[in-house]
Amino acid sequence: MAPSSDDSPLVRSYQPRDYWDVSDVCLRTGEGGADATGLYVSDELLADVYARPYVLFEPELAFVVEQAGRVGGYVICAADTRAFIERYRADWLPILARKYASGAQPGTRSERLVQAGLTPERMLFPELEQYPAHLHIDLLPPLQGRGLGRLLMSRLMRALRERGVPGLHLSLSPTNTRARGFYDHLGFREVPSSTPEAPWLGIDLR
């Protein structure tokens, strides 16, 4: 779908040509919603952990916001977290390990993120059978507060329901009250294993 003539933002399915734009959005929202450029050993590290494997493995569950021919937001998802972890470990982890084998100094934020990328089992949590899918969503600041996040989530949840996925979950920073309100309004609720220090939210899609 082409951009509208008035450059209004539109929500559409991900296309392979969006790969680098999605990576860029991941970087420019990677510091608690602010730009993370220059904060890690590589500006590709955030996308290598939190965006690229999703659009490569499950592009049909990726949706983007396009404006003026550029992607400024996305939602990406793994429908079955356990299966995603298995594929990530087999097909993505070796790439990540080679790419970041050196360069991240011990004790730095870069090293902690590299270690997160090398430990896909961090995605497991006790309620996974009930909420097997998980997501990441990001919007550049000019596109926030315009209802586009809700549109992205609506497209994703519809696609998951069509697949028969019973539930969707995400982890959340305990200080991100704005995002918490967004998810509460969509119908997400804390799962039993959630704690104030590490909130886990889930939504039943049945």
N, C-alpha and C. Protein backbone atom coordinates (compact mmCIF):
# COMPACT_ATOMS: atom_id res chain seq x y z
N MET A 1 0.84 -1.19 0.00
CA MET A 1 0.00 0.00 0.00
C MET A 1 0.88 1.24 0.00
N ALA A 2 0.60 2.17 -0.88
CA ALA A 2 1.41 3.38 -0.98
C ALA A 2 0.97 4.40 0.05
N PRO A 3 1.88 5.32 0.43
CA PRO A 3 1.50 6.37 1.36
C PRO A 3 0.40 7.24 0.78
N SER A 4 -0.47 7.77 1.63
CA SER A 4 -1.52 8.65 1.15
C SER A 4 -0.92 9.96 0.70
N SER A 5 -1.65 10.69 -0.15
CA SER A 5 -1.13 11.91 -0.75
C SER A 5 -0.87 12.99 0.29
N ASP A 6 -1.58 12.98 1.42
CA ASP A 6 -1.38 14.01 2.43
C ASP A 6 -0.36 13.58 3.49
N ASP A 7 0.35 12.48 3.23
CA ASP A 7 1.39 11.97 4.13
C ASP A 7 0.86 11.60 5.50
N SER A 8 -0.42 11.29 5.60
CA SER A 8 -0.95 10.81 6.87
C SER A 8 -0.35 9.44 7.17
N PRO A 9 -0.08 9.14 8.43
CA PRO A 9 0.48 7.83 8.77
C PRO A 9 -0.52 6.72 8.50
N LEU A 10 -0.03 5.58 8.05
CA LEU A 10 -0.89 4.43 7.83
C LEU A 10 -0.25 3.20 8.44
N VAL A 11 -1.10 2.29 8.88
CA VAL A 11 -0.66 1.03 9.44
C VAL A 11 -0.79 -0.04 8.38
N ARG A 12 0.26 -0.80 8.16
CA ARG A 12 0.25 -1.85 7.13
C ARG A 12 1.11 -3.01 7.57
N SER A 13 1.04 -4.08 6.82
CA SER A 13 1.88 -5.25 7.08
C SER A 13 3.34 -4.93 6.77
N TYR A 14 4.22 -5.54 7.51
CA TYR A 14 5.65 -5.42 7.28
C TYR A 14 6.03 -5.99 5.92
N GLN A 15 6.98 -5.34 5.26
CA GLN A 15 7.56 -5.82 4.02
C GLN A 15 9.08 -5.89 4.18
N PRO A 16 9.76 -6.79 3.46
CA PRO A 16 11.21 -6.90 3.61
C PRO A 16 11.95 -5.58 3.44
N ARG A 17 11.43 -4.68 2.64
CA ARG A 17 12.10 -3.39 2.45
C ARG A 17 12.12 -2.54 3.72
N ASP A 18 11.31 -2.91 4.72
CA ASP A 18 11.23 -2.15 5.98
C ASP A 18 12.30 -2.54 6.98
N TYR A 19 13.11 -3.51 6.66
CA TYR A 19 14.06 -4.08 7.63
C TYR A 19 14.93 -3.01 8.29
N TRP A 20 15.52 -2.14 7.49
CA TRP A 20 16.44 -1.15 8.04
C TRP A 20 15.69 -0.04 8.77
N ASP A 21 14.51 0.31 8.31
CA ASP A 21 13.71 1.30 9.03
C ASP A 21 13.29 0.77 10.40
N VAL A 22 12.88 -0.48 10.47
CA VAL A 22 12.52 -1.09 11.76
C VAL A 22 13.73 -1.07 12.69
N SER A 23 14.89 -1.42 12.16
CA SER A 23 16.11 -1.39 12.96
C SER A 23 16.39 0.01 13.49
N ASP A 24 16.16 1.01 12.65
CA ASP A 24 16.40 2.40 13.04
C ASP A 24 15.43 2.85 14.13
N VAL A 25 14.17 2.48 14.00
CA VAL A 25 13.19 2.83 15.03
C VAL A 25 13.55 2.17 16.35
N CYS A 26 13.99 0.92 16.30
CA CYS A 26 14.40 0.22 17.51
C CYS A 26 15.52 0.98 18.21
N LEU A 27 16.49 1.46 17.46
CA LEU A 27 17.60 2.22 18.03
C LEU A 27 17.11 3.56 18.58
N ARG A 28 16.29 4.26 17.82
CA ARG A 28 15.91 5.63 18.20
C ARG A 28 14.83 5.68 19.28
N THR A 29 14.37 4.52 19.72
CA THR A 29 13.46 4.45 20.87
C THR A 29 14.04 3.58 21.98
N GLY A 30 15.31 3.21 21.86
CA GLY A 30 15.90 2.19 22.71
C GLY A 30 16.34 2.63 24.08
N GLU A 31 16.25 3.90 24.38
CA GLU A 31 16.63 4.40 25.70
C GLU A 31 15.38 4.87 26.43
N GLY A 32 14.54 3.89 26.81
CA GLY A 32 13.28 4.23 27.48
C GLY A 32 12.38 5.09 26.63
N GLY A 33 12.40 4.86 25.31
CA GLY A 33 11.60 5.64 24.39
C GLY A 33 12.39 6.76 23.72
N ALA A 34 13.57 7.05 24.22
CA ALA A 34 14.43 8.08 23.63
C ALA A 34 15.50 7.44 22.75
N ASP A 35 16.26 8.28 22.08
CA ASP A 35 17.27 7.83 21.13
C ASP A 35 18.45 7.19 21.86
N ALA A 36 18.81 5.98 21.44
CA ALA A 36 19.94 5.26 22.04
C ALA A 36 21.17 5.28 21.15
N THR A 37 21.19 6.12 20.14
CA THR A 37 22.34 6.19 19.24
C THR A 37 23.61 6.49 20.03
N GLY A 38 24.64 5.69 19.81
CA GLY A 38 25.92 5.89 20.44
C GLY A 38 26.06 5.36 21.85
N LEU A 39 25.01 4.74 22.39
CA LEU A 39 25.06 4.29 23.78
C LEU A 39 25.60 2.87 23.93
N TYR A 40 25.68 2.12 22.83
CA TYR A 40 26.14 0.73 22.89
C TYR A 40 27.35 0.54 21.99
N VAL A 41 27.97 -0.59 22.13
CA VAL A 41 29.17 -0.87 21.36
C VAL A 41 28.91 -0.81 19.86
N SER A 42 27.68 -1.06 19.46
CA SER A 42 27.26 -0.93 18.07
C SER A 42 25.84 -0.41 18.05
N ASP A 43 25.54 0.47 17.11
CA ASP A 43 24.17 0.97 16.97
C ASP A 43 23.23 -0.10 16.43
N GLU A 44 23.77 -1.25 16.05
CA GLU A 44 22.93 -2.34 15.57
C GLU A 44 22.53 -3.31 16.69
N LEU A 45 23.15 -3.18 17.85
CA LEU A 45 22.96 -4.18 18.90
C LEU A 45 21.51 -4.28 19.37
N LEU A 46 20.85 -3.18 19.63
CA LEU A 46 19.46 -3.23 20.09
C LEU A 46 18.57 -3.97 19.09
N ALA A 47 18.69 -3.62 17.82
CA ALA A 47 17.87 -4.28 16.81
C ALA A 47 18.24 -5.74 16.65
N ASP A 48 19.52 -6.06 16.81
CA ASP A 48 19.93 -7.46 16.70
C ASP A 48 19.32 -8.33 17.80
N VAL A 49 19.03 -7.73 18.95
CA VAL A 49 18.44 -8.48 20.06
C VAL A 49 16.92 -8.41 20.03
N TYR A 50 16.37 -7.23 19.79
CA TYR A 50 14.94 -7.01 20.02
C TYR A 50 14.07 -6.82 18.78
N ALA A 51 14.66 -6.80 17.59
CA ALA A 51 13.82 -6.54 16.41
C ALA A 51 14.11 -7.47 15.23
N ARG A 52 15.34 -7.58 14.82
CA ARG A 52 15.65 -8.29 13.57
C ARG A 52 15.24 -9.75 13.55
N PRO A 53 15.46 -10.53 14.61
CA PRO A 53 15.03 -11.94 14.52
C PRO A 53 13.52 -12.08 14.36
N TYR A 54 12.75 -11.14 14.88
CA TYR A 54 11.29 -11.22 14.77
C TYR A 54 10.83 -11.01 13.33
N VAL A 55 11.36 -9.98 12.67
CA VAL A 55 10.91 -9.73 11.30
C VAL A 55 11.47 -10.74 10.33
N LEU A 56 12.58 -11.39 10.69
CA LEU A 56 13.12 -12.45 9.83
C LEU A 56 12.38 -13.77 10.03
N PHE A 57 12.04 -14.10 11.28
CA PHE A 57 11.40 -15.38 11.57
C PHE A 57 9.89 -15.35 11.37
N GLU A 58 9.23 -14.26 11.74
CA GLU A 58 7.77 -14.19 11.66
C GLU A 58 7.31 -12.86 11.08
N PRO A 59 7.68 -12.59 9.83
CA PRO A 59 7.32 -11.30 9.21
C PRO A 59 5.81 -11.12 9.08
N GLU A 60 5.06 -12.21 9.04
CA GLU A 60 3.61 -12.10 8.91
C GLU A 60 2.96 -11.59 10.19
N LEU A 61 3.72 -11.55 11.28
CA LEU A 61 3.21 -11.01 12.54
C LEU A 61 3.89 -9.69 12.89
N ALA A 62 4.35 -8.99 11.88
CA ALA A 62 4.94 -7.67 12.04
C ALA A 62 4.10 -6.66 11.28
N PHE A 63 3.81 -5.55 11.94
CA PHE A 63 3.02 -4.47 11.34
C PHE A 63 3.73 -3.16 11.61
N VAL A 64 3.66 -2.25 10.65
CA VAL A 64 4.42 -1.01 10.75
C VAL A 64 3.51 0.20 10.52
N VAL A 65 4.00 1.34 11.00
CA VAL A 65 3.39 2.63 10.68
C VAL A 65 4.30 3.32 9.69
N GLU A 66 3.75 3.68 8.55
CA GLU A 66 4.51 4.37 7.52
C GLU A 66 3.99 5.80 7.37
N GLN A 67 4.92 6.73 7.25
CA GLN A 67 4.56 8.12 6.97
C GLN A 67 5.61 8.71 6.04
N ALA A 68 5.14 9.33 4.98
CA ALA A 68 6.04 9.96 4.01
C ALA A 68 7.10 8.98 3.50
N GLY A 69 6.67 7.74 3.31
CA GLY A 69 7.56 6.74 2.73
C GLY A 69 8.55 6.11 3.68
N ARG A 70 8.49 6.44 4.98
CA ARG A 70 9.39 5.86 5.96
C ARG A 70 8.60 5.23 7.09
N VAL A 71 9.15 4.16 7.63
CA VAL A 71 8.54 3.50 8.78
C VAL A 71 8.97 4.24 10.05
N GLY A 72 7.96 4.61 10.87
CA GLY A 72 8.24 5.31 12.11
C GLY A 72 7.75 4.58 13.34
N GLY A 73 7.28 3.36 13.15
CA GLY A 73 6.81 2.57 14.28
C GLY A 73 6.50 1.16 13.84
N TYR A 74 6.41 0.26 14.82
CA TYR A 74 6.14 -1.14 14.50
C TYR A 74 5.64 -1.89 15.71
N VAL A 75 4.99 -3.01 15.45
CA VAL A 75 4.79 -4.05 16.46
C VAL A 75 5.27 -5.35 15.85
N ILE A 76 6.03 -6.12 16.61
CA ILE A 76 6.57 -7.40 16.14
C ILE A 76 6.27 -8.44 17.20
N CYS A 77 6.24 -9.71 16.78
CA CYS A 77 5.71 -10.72 17.69
C CYS A 77 6.27 -12.10 17.38
N ALA A 78 6.36 -12.90 18.42
CA ALA A 78 6.58 -14.35 18.30
C ALA A 78 5.31 -15.03 18.77
N ALA A 79 4.67 -15.80 17.91
CA ALA A 79 3.40 -16.43 18.26
C ALA A 79 3.56 -17.53 19.29
N ASP A 80 4.67 -18.23 19.25
CA ASP A 80 4.96 -19.33 20.18
C ASP A 80 6.36 -19.08 20.73
N THR A 81 6.44 -18.57 21.93
CA THR A 81 7.73 -18.16 22.49
C THR A 81 8.72 -19.32 22.57
N ARG A 82 8.25 -20.50 22.97
CA ARG A 82 9.17 -21.65 23.06
C ARG A 82 9.75 -22.00 21.69
N ALA A 83 8.91 -22.03 20.68
CA ALA A 83 9.39 -22.33 19.33
C ALA A 83 10.33 -21.24 18.83
N PHE A 84 10.01 -19.99 19.17
CA PHE A 84 10.86 -18.88 18.78
C PHE A 84 12.24 -19.02 19.41
N ILE A 85 12.29 -19.38 20.68
CA ILE A 85 13.57 -19.57 21.37
C ILE A 85 14.39 -20.66 20.69
N GLU A 86 13.76 -21.75 20.32
CA GLU A 86 14.47 -22.84 19.66
C GLU A 86 15.08 -22.38 18.34
N ARG A 87 14.29 -21.66 17.55
CA ARG A 87 14.81 -21.18 16.27
C ARG A 87 15.88 -20.11 16.48
N TYR A 88 15.65 -19.22 17.43
CA TYR A 88 16.63 -18.18 17.75
C TYR A 88 17.96 -18.81 18.13
N ARG A 89 17.91 -19.84 18.98
CA ARG A 89 19.14 -20.49 19.43
C ARG A 89 19.85 -21.17 18.26
N ALA A 90 19.10 -21.77 17.35
CA ALA A 90 19.70 -22.49 16.24
C ALA A 90 20.19 -21.55 15.12
N ASP A 91 19.38 -20.54 14.80
CA ASP A 91 19.63 -19.76 13.59
C ASP A 91 20.14 -18.35 13.83
N TRP A 92 19.87 -17.77 15.00
CA TRP A 92 20.23 -16.38 15.23
C TRP A 92 21.38 -16.23 16.23
N LEU A 93 21.38 -17.03 17.26
CA LEU A 93 22.40 -16.90 18.29
C LEU A 93 23.83 -17.03 17.72
N PRO A 94 24.10 -17.97 16.79
CA PRO A 94 25.46 -18.04 16.24
C PRO A 94 25.88 -16.75 15.53
N ILE A 95 24.95 -16.12 14.84
CA ILE A 95 25.24 -14.85 14.16
C ILE A 95 25.58 -13.78 15.18
N LEU A 96 24.76 -13.71 16.22
CA LEU A 96 24.95 -12.71 17.27
C LEU A 96 26.29 -12.93 17.98
N ALA A 97 26.59 -14.19 18.27
CA ALA A 97 27.83 -14.51 18.98
C ALA A 97 29.06 -14.10 18.16
N ARG A 98 29.03 -14.38 16.86
CA ARG A 98 30.16 -13.99 16.01
C ARG A 98 30.28 -12.46 15.92
N LYS A 99 29.14 -11.81 15.81
CA LYS A 99 29.14 -10.36 15.59
C LYS A 99 29.65 -9.60 16.81
N TYR A 100 29.34 -10.14 18.01
CA TYR A 100 29.70 -9.43 19.24
C TYR A 100 30.64 -10.25 20.12
N ALA A 101 31.49 -11.05 19.47
CA ALA A 101 32.44 -11.89 20.21
C ALA A 101 33.43 -11.05 21.01
N SER A 102 33.68 -9.85 20.55
CA SER A 102 34.58 -8.96 21.27
C SER A 102 34.06 -7.54 21.14
N GLY A 103 34.51 -6.68 22.00
CA GLY A 103 34.14 -5.27 21.88
C GLY A 103 33.27 -4.75 23.00
N ALA A 104 32.53 -5.62 23.69
CA ALA A 104 31.70 -5.18 24.81
C ALA A 104 32.48 -5.36 26.11
N GLN A 105 32.83 -4.27 26.73
CA GLN A 105 33.63 -4.34 27.95
C GLN A 105 32.82 -4.91 29.11
N PRO A 106 33.44 -5.75 29.95
CA PRO A 106 32.72 -6.34 31.10
C PRO A 106 32.10 -5.26 32.00
N GLY A 107 30.88 -5.53 32.42
CA GLY A 107 30.20 -4.63 33.34
C GLY A 107 29.50 -3.46 32.70
N THR A 108 29.60 -3.33 31.39
CA THR A 108 28.97 -2.21 30.70
C THR A 108 27.56 -2.58 30.25
N ARG A 109 26.77 -1.56 29.89
CA ARG A 109 25.43 -1.82 29.38
C ARG A 109 25.49 -2.64 28.09
N SER A 110 26.53 -2.44 27.29
CA SER A 110 26.68 -3.22 26.07
C SER A 110 26.85 -4.70 26.39
N GLU A 111 27.69 -5.00 27.38
CA GLU A 111 27.88 -6.41 27.73
C GLU A 111 26.59 -7.02 28.25
N ARG A 112 25.85 -6.27 29.07
CA ARG A 112 24.60 -6.81 29.61
C ARG A 112 23.61 -7.08 28.49
N LEU A 113 23.55 -6.23 27.48
CA LEU A 113 22.63 -6.45 26.37
C LEU A 113 23.10 -7.61 25.50
N VAL A 114 24.40 -7.72 25.27
CA VAL A 114 24.92 -8.87 24.52
C VAL A 114 24.56 -10.16 25.24
N GLN A 115 24.74 -10.19 26.55
CA GLN A 115 24.42 -11.39 27.31
C GLN A 115 22.93 -11.71 27.25
N ALA A 116 22.09 -10.68 27.27
CA ALA A 116 20.65 -10.91 27.10
C ALA A 116 20.37 -11.54 25.74
N GLY A 117 21.04 -11.04 24.71
CA GLY A 117 20.87 -11.60 23.38
C GLY A 117 21.34 -13.03 23.26
N LEU A 118 22.34 -13.39 24.05
CA LEU A 118 22.89 -14.75 24.02
C LEU A 118 22.15 -15.70 24.95
N THR A 119 21.13 -15.20 25.63
CA THR A 119 20.37 -16.02 26.59
C THR A 119 18.89 -15.94 26.26
N PRO A 120 18.45 -16.57 25.18
CA PRO A 120 17.04 -16.46 24.79
C PRO A 120 16.07 -17.04 25.81
N GLU A 121 16.57 -17.90 26.69
CA GLU A 121 15.69 -18.47 27.73
C GLU A 121 15.16 -17.41 28.68
N ARG A 122 15.71 -16.20 28.65
CA ARG A 122 15.17 -15.10 29.46
C ARG A 122 13.72 -14.80 29.10
N MET A 123 13.28 -15.25 27.91
CA MET A 123 11.91 -15.01 27.46
C MET A 123 10.89 -15.94 28.10
N LEU A 124 11.37 -16.97 28.79
CA LEU A 124 10.44 -17.91 29.43
C LEU A 124 9.89 -17.32 30.71
N PHE A 125 8.62 -17.64 31.01
CA PHE A 125 8.04 -17.25 32.29
C PHE A 125 6.93 -18.23 32.64
N PRO A 126 6.49 -18.30 33.90
CA PRO A 126 5.63 -19.41 34.34
C PRO A 126 4.30 -19.55 33.61
N GLU A 127 3.71 -18.47 33.15
CA GLU A 127 2.39 -18.53 32.52
C GLU A 127 2.45 -18.68 31.00
N LEU A 128 3.55 -19.22 30.49
CA LEU A 128 3.75 -19.26 29.05
C LEU A 128 2.71 -20.11 28.32
N GLU A 129 2.20 -21.16 28.95
CA GLU A 129 1.21 -22.00 28.27
C GLU A 129 -0.08 -21.21 28.01
N GLN A 130 -0.44 -20.34 28.93
CA GLN A 130 -1.65 -19.54 28.77
C GLN A 130 -1.44 -18.35 27.84
N TYR A 131 -0.21 -17.80 27.86
CA TYR A 131 0.10 -16.61 27.05
C TYR A 131 1.36 -16.88 26.22
N PRO A 132 1.28 -17.75 25.22
CA PRO A 132 2.50 -18.18 24.53
C PRO A 132 3.15 -17.13 23.63
N ALA A 133 2.39 -16.15 23.16
CA ALA A 133 2.94 -15.14 22.26
C ALA A 133 3.52 -13.99 23.07
N HIS A 134 4.56 -13.33 22.51
CA HIS A 134 5.06 -12.10 23.13
C HIS A 134 5.37 -11.08 22.04
N LEU A 135 5.45 -9.82 22.44
CA LEU A 135 5.55 -8.73 21.46
C LEU A 135 6.56 -7.69 21.88
N HIS A 136 6.95 -6.87 20.90
CA HIS A 136 7.67 -5.61 21.12
C HIS A 136 6.99 -4.56 20.24
N ILE A 137 6.79 -3.37 20.79
CA ILE A 137 6.17 -2.29 20.04
C ILE A 137 6.92 -1.00 20.30
N ASP A 138 7.18 -0.23 19.25
CA ASP A 138 7.89 1.04 19.38
C ASP A 138 7.35 2.03 18.35
N LEU A 139 7.25 3.29 18.77
CA LEU A 139 6.85 4.39 17.89
C LEU A 139 7.77 5.56 18.13
N LEU A 140 8.22 6.20 17.06
CA LEU A 140 8.99 7.43 17.22
C LEU A 140 8.11 8.51 17.85
N PRO A 141 8.69 9.42 18.61
CA PRO A 141 7.90 10.43 19.34
C PRO A 141 6.86 11.18 18.50
N PRO A 142 7.15 11.60 17.26
CA PRO A 142 6.13 12.33 16.51
C PRO A 142 4.87 11.52 16.21
N LEU A 143 4.96 10.19 16.31
CA LEU A 143 3.81 9.34 16.02
C LEU A 143 3.10 8.86 17.27
N GLN A 144 3.60 9.24 18.43
CA GLN A 144 2.99 8.80 19.68
C GLN A 144 1.77 9.65 20.02
N GLY A 145 0.86 9.07 20.79
CA GLY A 145 -0.31 9.80 21.24
C GLY A 145 -1.33 10.09 20.15
N ARG A 146 -1.30 9.32 19.08
CA ARG A 146 -2.19 9.56 17.94
C ARG A 146 -3.06 8.33 17.64
N GLY A 147 -3.10 7.38 18.54
CA GLY A 147 -3.91 6.19 18.35
C GLY A 147 -3.27 5.13 17.48
N LEU A 148 -2.03 5.35 17.06
CA LEU A 148 -1.38 4.40 16.15
C LEU A 148 -0.93 3.14 16.88
N GLY A 149 -0.56 3.27 18.14
CA GLY A 149 -0.22 2.08 18.92
C GLY A 149 -1.41 1.14 19.05
N ARG A 150 -2.58 1.71 19.27
CA ARG A 150 -3.79 0.88 19.36
C ARG A 150 -4.08 0.19 18.04
N LEU A 151 -3.87 0.90 16.93
CA LEU A 151 -4.09 0.29 15.62
C LEU A 151 -3.12 -0.86 15.38
N LEU A 152 -1.86 -0.66 15.73
CA LEU A 152 -0.87 -1.73 15.59
C LEU A 152 -1.26 -2.94 16.42
N MET A 153 -1.64 -2.70 17.66
CA MET A 153 -2.02 -3.81 18.54
C MET A 153 -3.27 -4.51 18.04
N SER A 154 -4.22 -3.76 17.51
CA SER A 154 -5.43 -4.37 16.97
C SER A 154 -5.11 -5.30 15.81
N ARG A 155 -4.22 -4.86 14.91
CA ARG A 155 -3.83 -5.70 13.78
C ARG A 155 -3.14 -6.97 14.26
N LEU A 156 -2.25 -6.80 15.23
CA LEU A 156 -1.52 -7.96 15.73
C LEU A 156 -2.45 -8.95 16.42
N MET A 157 -3.29 -8.47 17.30
CA MET A 157 -4.15 -9.39 18.05
C MET A 157 -5.15 -10.08 17.13
N ARG A 158 -5.61 -9.40 16.10
CA ARG A 158 -6.48 -10.05 15.13
C ARG A 158 -5.74 -11.18 14.41
N ALA A 159 -4.50 -10.93 14.02
CA ALA A 159 -3.70 -11.95 13.35
C ALA A 159 -3.45 -13.15 14.26
N LEU A 160 -3.21 -12.90 15.55
CA LEU A 160 -2.99 -13.99 16.48
C LEU A 160 -4.26 -14.80 16.71
N ARG A 161 -5.39 -14.12 16.83
CA ARG A 161 -6.67 -14.84 16.98
C ARG A 161 -6.96 -15.72 15.77
N GLU A 162 -6.64 -15.22 14.59
CA GLU A 162 -6.86 -16.01 13.38
C GLU A 162 -6.01 -17.28 13.38
N ARG A 163 -4.90 -17.26 14.06
CA ARG A 163 -4.03 -18.43 14.19
C ARG A 163 -4.44 -19.34 15.34
N GLY A 164 -5.37 -18.88 16.16
CA GLY A 164 -5.78 -19.67 17.32
C GLY A 164 -4.84 -19.55 18.50
N VAL A 165 -4.03 -18.49 18.55
CA VAL A 165 -3.12 -18.28 19.68
C VAL A 165 -3.95 -17.85 20.89
N PRO A 166 -3.83 -18.54 22.03
CA PRO A 166 -4.72 -18.27 23.15
C PRO A 166 -4.42 -17.02 23.95
N GLY A 167 -3.16 -16.57 23.95
CA GLY A 167 -2.83 -15.41 24.78
C GLY A 167 -1.52 -14.77 24.37
N LEU A 168 -1.35 -13.53 24.81
CA LEU A 168 -0.22 -12.69 24.44
C LEU A 168 0.33 -12.05 25.71
N HIS A 169 1.65 -11.93 25.82
CA HIS A 169 2.24 -11.33 27.01
C HIS A 169 3.38 -10.40 26.66
N LEU A 170 3.81 -9.64 27.66
CA LEU A 170 4.96 -8.76 27.52
C LEU A 170 5.52 -8.47 28.91
N SER A 171 6.77 -8.09 28.96
CA SER A 171 7.37 -7.59 30.19
C SER A 171 7.44 -6.08 30.09
N LEU A 172 7.45 -5.42 31.24
CA LEU A 172 7.33 -3.97 31.26
C LEU A 172 8.24 -3.40 32.34
N SER A 173 8.84 -2.26 32.05
CA SER A 173 9.60 -1.56 33.07
C SER A 173 8.64 -1.06 34.15
N PRO A 174 8.97 -1.27 35.43
CA PRO A 174 8.07 -0.84 36.50
C PRO A 174 7.88 0.67 36.56
N THR A 175 8.78 1.43 35.95
CA THR A 175 8.67 2.89 35.98
C THR A 175 7.92 3.46 34.77
N ASN A 176 7.57 2.60 33.82
CA ASN A 176 6.93 3.09 32.59
C ASN A 176 5.41 3.16 32.79
N THR A 177 4.97 4.16 33.54
CA THR A 177 3.54 4.27 33.86
C THR A 177 2.70 4.60 32.64
N ARG A 178 3.26 5.33 31.70
CA ARG A 178 2.50 5.66 30.50
C ARG A 178 2.17 4.40 29.71
N ALA A 179 3.17 3.54 29.52
CA ALA A 179 2.93 2.29 28.79
C ALA A 179 1.97 1.40 29.57
N ARG A 180 2.08 1.41 30.89
CA ARG A 180 1.19 0.58 31.69
C ARG A 180 -0.26 0.98 31.47
N GLY A 181 -0.54 2.26 31.41
CA GLY A 181 -1.89 2.73 31.14
C GLY A 181 -2.38 2.29 29.76
N PHE A 182 -1.48 2.33 28.79
CA PHE A 182 -1.82 1.90 27.43
C PHE A 182 -2.24 0.43 27.42
N TYR A 183 -1.46 -0.42 28.06
CA TYR A 183 -1.77 -1.84 28.06
C TYR A 183 -3.00 -2.16 28.92
N ASP A 184 -3.15 -1.46 30.03
CA ASP A 184 -4.35 -1.65 30.84
C ASP A 184 -5.60 -1.36 30.02
N HIS A 185 -5.55 -0.30 29.24
CA HIS A 185 -6.71 0.08 28.43
C HIS A 185 -7.02 -0.95 27.36
N LEU A 186 -5.98 -1.64 26.88
CA LEU A 186 -6.18 -2.68 25.87
C LEU A 186 -6.72 -3.98 26.47
N GLY A 187 -6.66 -4.11 27.79
CA GLY A 187 -7.16 -5.32 28.44
C GLY A 187 -6.10 -6.23 29.00
N PHE A 188 -4.83 -5.81 28.96
CA PHE A 188 -3.76 -6.60 29.59
C PHE A 188 -3.89 -6.51 31.10
N ARG A 189 -3.53 -7.60 31.77
CA ARG A 189 -3.56 -7.65 33.22
C ARG A 189 -2.29 -8.35 33.73
N GLU A 190 -1.90 -8.03 34.94
CA GLU A 190 -0.74 -8.70 35.52
C GLU A 190 -1.03 -10.19 35.69
N VAL A 191 -0.04 -11.02 35.37
CA VAL A 191 -0.17 -12.46 35.55
C VAL A 191 0.31 -12.81 36.96
N PRO A 192 -0.01 -14.00 37.46
CA PRO A 192 0.33 -14.35 38.85
C PRO A 192 1.81 -14.22 39.20
N SER A 193 2.70 -14.48 38.25
CA SER A 193 4.13 -14.42 38.56
C SER A 193 4.70 -13.01 38.50
N SER A 194 3.89 -12.03 38.12
CA SER A 194 4.35 -10.66 38.04
C SER A 194 4.72 -10.12 39.41
N THR A 195 5.75 -9.28 39.45
CA THR A 195 6.16 -8.62 40.69
C THR A 195 6.29 -7.13 40.42
N PRO A 196 6.26 -6.30 41.47
CA PRO A 196 6.44 -4.85 41.26
C PRO A 196 7.77 -4.52 40.58
N GLU A 197 8.81 -5.32 40.85
CA GLU A 197 10.12 -5.07 40.27
C GLU A 197 10.23 -5.57 38.83
N ALA A 198 9.42 -6.54 38.47
CA ALA A 198 9.47 -7.13 37.13
C ALA A 198 8.05 -7.48 36.69
N PRO A 199 7.29 -6.48 36.25
CA PRO A 199 5.90 -6.73 35.86
C PRO A 199 5.81 -7.56 34.57
N TRP A 200 4.93 -8.55 34.59
CA TRP A 200 4.55 -9.31 33.40
C TRP A 200 3.06 -9.10 33.19
N LEU A 201 2.69 -8.74 31.96
CA LEU A 201 1.29 -8.52 31.63
C LEU A 201 0.86 -9.51 30.56
N GLY A 202 -0.39 -9.95 30.64
CA GLY A 202 -0.92 -10.88 29.65
C GLY A 202 -2.34 -10.53 29.27
N ILE A 203 -2.75 -10.97 28.10
CA ILE A 203 -4.14 -10.80 27.66
C ILE A 203 -4.63 -12.10 27.03
N ASP A 204 -5.82 -12.51 27.41
CA ASP A 204 -6.45 -13.70 26.84
C ASP A 204 -7.05 -13.33 25.49
N LEU A 205 -6.71 -14.06 24.45
CA LEU A 205 -7.18 -13.77 23.09
C LEU A 205 -8.32 -14.67 22.65
N ARG A 206 -8.78 -15.54 23.54
CA ARG A 206 -9.82 -16.48 23.12
C ARG A 206 -11.19 -15.83 23.14
